[in-house]
């Protein structure tokens, strides 16, 4: 199980690095700004409720629980 966890952590780190190289400084700053705005309690993690509220406030639309669950499944490496 530890080997699997280490593999997922390496995969996440690699994808993060690649993503950081593809974005401009301005795009990274904008993403960080949006993240901080959505992260209501400032813990550096987005809960399902924070994402729901953030979508309404930032994108002006509701997001379904099914969409949020799919997001969490796609990015969950822990």
C-alpha atoms as a PDB file:
ATOM      1  CA  UNK A   1       0.000   0.000   0.000  1.00  0.00           C
ATOM      2  CA  UNK A   2       2.885   2.376   0.768  1.00  0.00           C
ATOM      3  CA  UNK A   3       4.324   1.801  -2.705  1.00  0.00           C
ATOM      4  CA  UNK A   4       0.959   2.681  -4.263  1.00  0.00           C
ATOM      5  CA  UNK A   5       0.720   5.855  -2.167  1.00  0.00           C
ATOM      6  CA  UNK A   6       4.267   6.866  -3.128  1.00  0.00           C
ATOM      7  CA  UNK A   7       3.447   6.294  -6.810  1.00  0.00           C
ATOM      8  CA  UNK A   8       0.351   8.508  -6.552  1.00  0.00           C
ATOM      9  CA  UNK A   9       2.316  11.222  -4.755  1.00  0.00           C
ATOM     10  CA  UNK A  10       4.999  11.141  -7.467  1.00  0.00           C
ATOM     11  CA  UNK A  11       2.336  11.275 -10.177  1.00  0.00           C
ATOM     12  CA  UNK A  12       0.673  14.279  -8.508  1.00  0.00           C
ATOM     13  CA  UNK A  13       4.010  16.058  -8.075  1.00  0.00           C
ATOM     14  CA  UNK A  14       4.930  15.418 -11.711  1.00  0.00           C
ATOM     15  CA  UNK A  15       1.592  16.694 -12.989  1.00  0.00           C
ATOM     16  CA  UNK A  16       1.873  19.763 -10.776  1.00  0.00           C
ATOM     17  CA  UNK A  17       5.350  20.491 -12.106  1.00  0.00           C
ATOM     18  CA  UNK A  18       4.282  20.060 -15.733  1.00  0.00           C
ATOM     19  CA  UNK A  19       1.243  22.258 -15.166  1.00  0.00           C
ATOM     20  CA  UNK A  20       3.359  24.953 -13.558  1.00  0.00           C
ATOM     21  CA  UNK A  21       5.618  25.016 -16.604  1.00  0.00           C
ATOM     22  CA  UNK A  22       2.707  25.425 -19.014  1.00  0.00           C
ATOM     23  CA  UNK A  23       1.149  28.414 -17.280  1.00  0.00           C
ATOM     24  CA  UNK A  24       2.383  31.956 -17.449  1.00  0.00           C
ATOM     25  CA  UNK A  25       3.174  33.856 -14.270  1.00  0.00           C
ATOM     26  CA  UNK A  26      -0.031  35.848 -14.692  1.00  0.00           C
ATOM     27  CA  UNK A  27      -2.123  32.686 -15.102  1.00  0.00           C
ATOM     28  CA  UNK A  28      -0.576  31.133 -11.970  1.00  0.00           C
ATOM     29  CA  UNK A  29      -1.249  34.334 -10.018  1.00  0.00           C
ATOM     30  CA  UNK A  30      -4.866  34.391 -11.224  1.00  0.00           C
ATOM     31  CA  UNK A  31      -5.367  30.742 -10.232  1.00  0.00           C
ATOM     32  CA  UNK A  32      -3.871  31.432  -6.804  1.00  0.00           C
ATOM     33  CA  UNK A  33      -6.142  34.466  -6.384  1.00  0.00           C
ATOM     34  CA  UNK A  34      -9.259  32.462  -7.301  1.00  0.00           C
ATOM     35  CA  UNK A  35      -8.192  29.582  -5.036  1.00  0.00           C
ATOM     36  CA  UNK A  36      -7.680  31.907  -2.066  1.00  0.00           C
ATOM     37  CA  UNK A  37     -11.043  33.519  -2.677  1.00  0.00           C
ATOM     38  CA  UNK A  38     -12.801  30.128  -2.774  1.00  0.00           C
ATOM     39  CA  UNK A  39     -10.861  28.791   0.252  1.00  0.00           C
ATOM     40  CA  UNK A  40     -13.144  30.474   2.774  1.00  0.00           C
ATOM     41  CA  UNK A  41     -11.510  29.084   5.917  1.00  0.00           C
ATOM     42  CA  UNK A  42      -7.948  29.637   4.636  1.00  0.00           C
ATOM     43  CA  UNK A  43      -6.752  26.081   5.308  1.00  0.00           C
ATOM     44  CA  UNK A  44      -5.253  25.587   1.841  1.00  0.00           C
ATOM     45  CA  UNK A  45      -7.790  22.888   0.950  1.00  0.00           C
ATOM     46  CA  UNK A  46     -11.113  23.189  -0.846  1.00  0.00           C
ATOM     47  CA  UNK A  47     -14.094  21.402   0.655  1.00  0.00           C
ATOM     48  CA  UNK A  48     -17.093  20.411  -1.405  1.00  0.00           C
ATOM     49  CA  UNK A  49     -19.093  23.253   0.153  1.00  0.00           C
ATOM     50  CA  UNK A  50     -16.354  25.788  -0.653  1.00  0.00           C
ATOM     51  CA  UNK A  51     -16.305  24.606  -4.260  1.00  0.00           C
ATOM     52  CA  UNK A  52     -20.086  24.868  -4.494  1.00  0.00           C
ATOM     53  CA  UNK A  53     -20.073  28.406  -3.092  1.00  0.00           C
ATOM     54  CA  UNK A  54     -17.065  29.359  -5.201  1.00  0.00           C
ATOM     55  CA  UNK A  55     -18.711  28.252  -8.425  1.00  0.00           C
ATOM     56  CA  UNK A  56     -21.764  30.339  -7.670  1.00  0.00           C
ATOM     57  CA  UNK A  57     -19.739  33.410  -6.674  1.00  0.00           C
ATOM     58  CA  UNK A  58     -16.949  33.181  -9.255  1.00  0.00           C
ATOM     59  CA  UNK A  59     -18.567  31.521 -12.267  1.00  0.00           C
ATOM     60  CA  UNK A  60     -22.179  32.507 -11.635  1.00  0.00           C
ATOM     61  CA  UNK A  61     -23.542  28.988 -11.879  1.00  0.00           C
ATOM     62  CA  UNK A  62     -24.489  26.087  -9.669  1.00  0.00           C
ATOM     63  CA  UNK A  63     -22.430  22.926  -9.754  1.00  0.00           C
ATOM     64  CA  UNK A  64     -23.998  19.570  -8.982  1.00  0.00           C
ATOM     65  CA  UNK A  65     -22.833  17.182  -6.293  1.00  0.00           C
ATOM     66  CA  UNK A  66     -22.126  14.687  -9.094  1.00  0.00           C
ATOM     67  CA  UNK A  67     -19.760  17.174 -10.794  1.00  0.00           C
ATOM     68  CA  UNK A  68     -18.004  17.927  -7.495  1.00  0.00           C
ATOM     69  CA  UNK A  69     -17.615  14.218  -6.731  1.00  0.00           C
ATOM     70  CA  UNK A  70     -16.106  13.665 -10.188  1.00  0.00           C
ATOM     71  CA  UNK A  71     -13.638  16.518  -9.548  1.00  0.00           C
ATOM     72  CA  UNK A  72     -12.599  15.055  -6.194  1.00  0.00           C
ATOM     73  CA  UNK A  73     -12.149  11.591  -7.699  1.00  0.00           C
ATOM     74  CA  UNK A  74     -10.017  13.008 -10.515  1.00  0.00           C
ATOM     75  CA  UNK A  75      -7.644  14.919  -8.238  1.00  0.00           C
ATOM     76  CA  UNK A  76      -7.639  12.796  -5.072  1.00  0.00           C
ATOM     77  CA  UNK A  77      -4.192  11.252  -4.625  1.00  0.00           C
ATOM     78  CA  UNK A  78      -4.363  10.828  -0.853  1.00  0.00           C
END
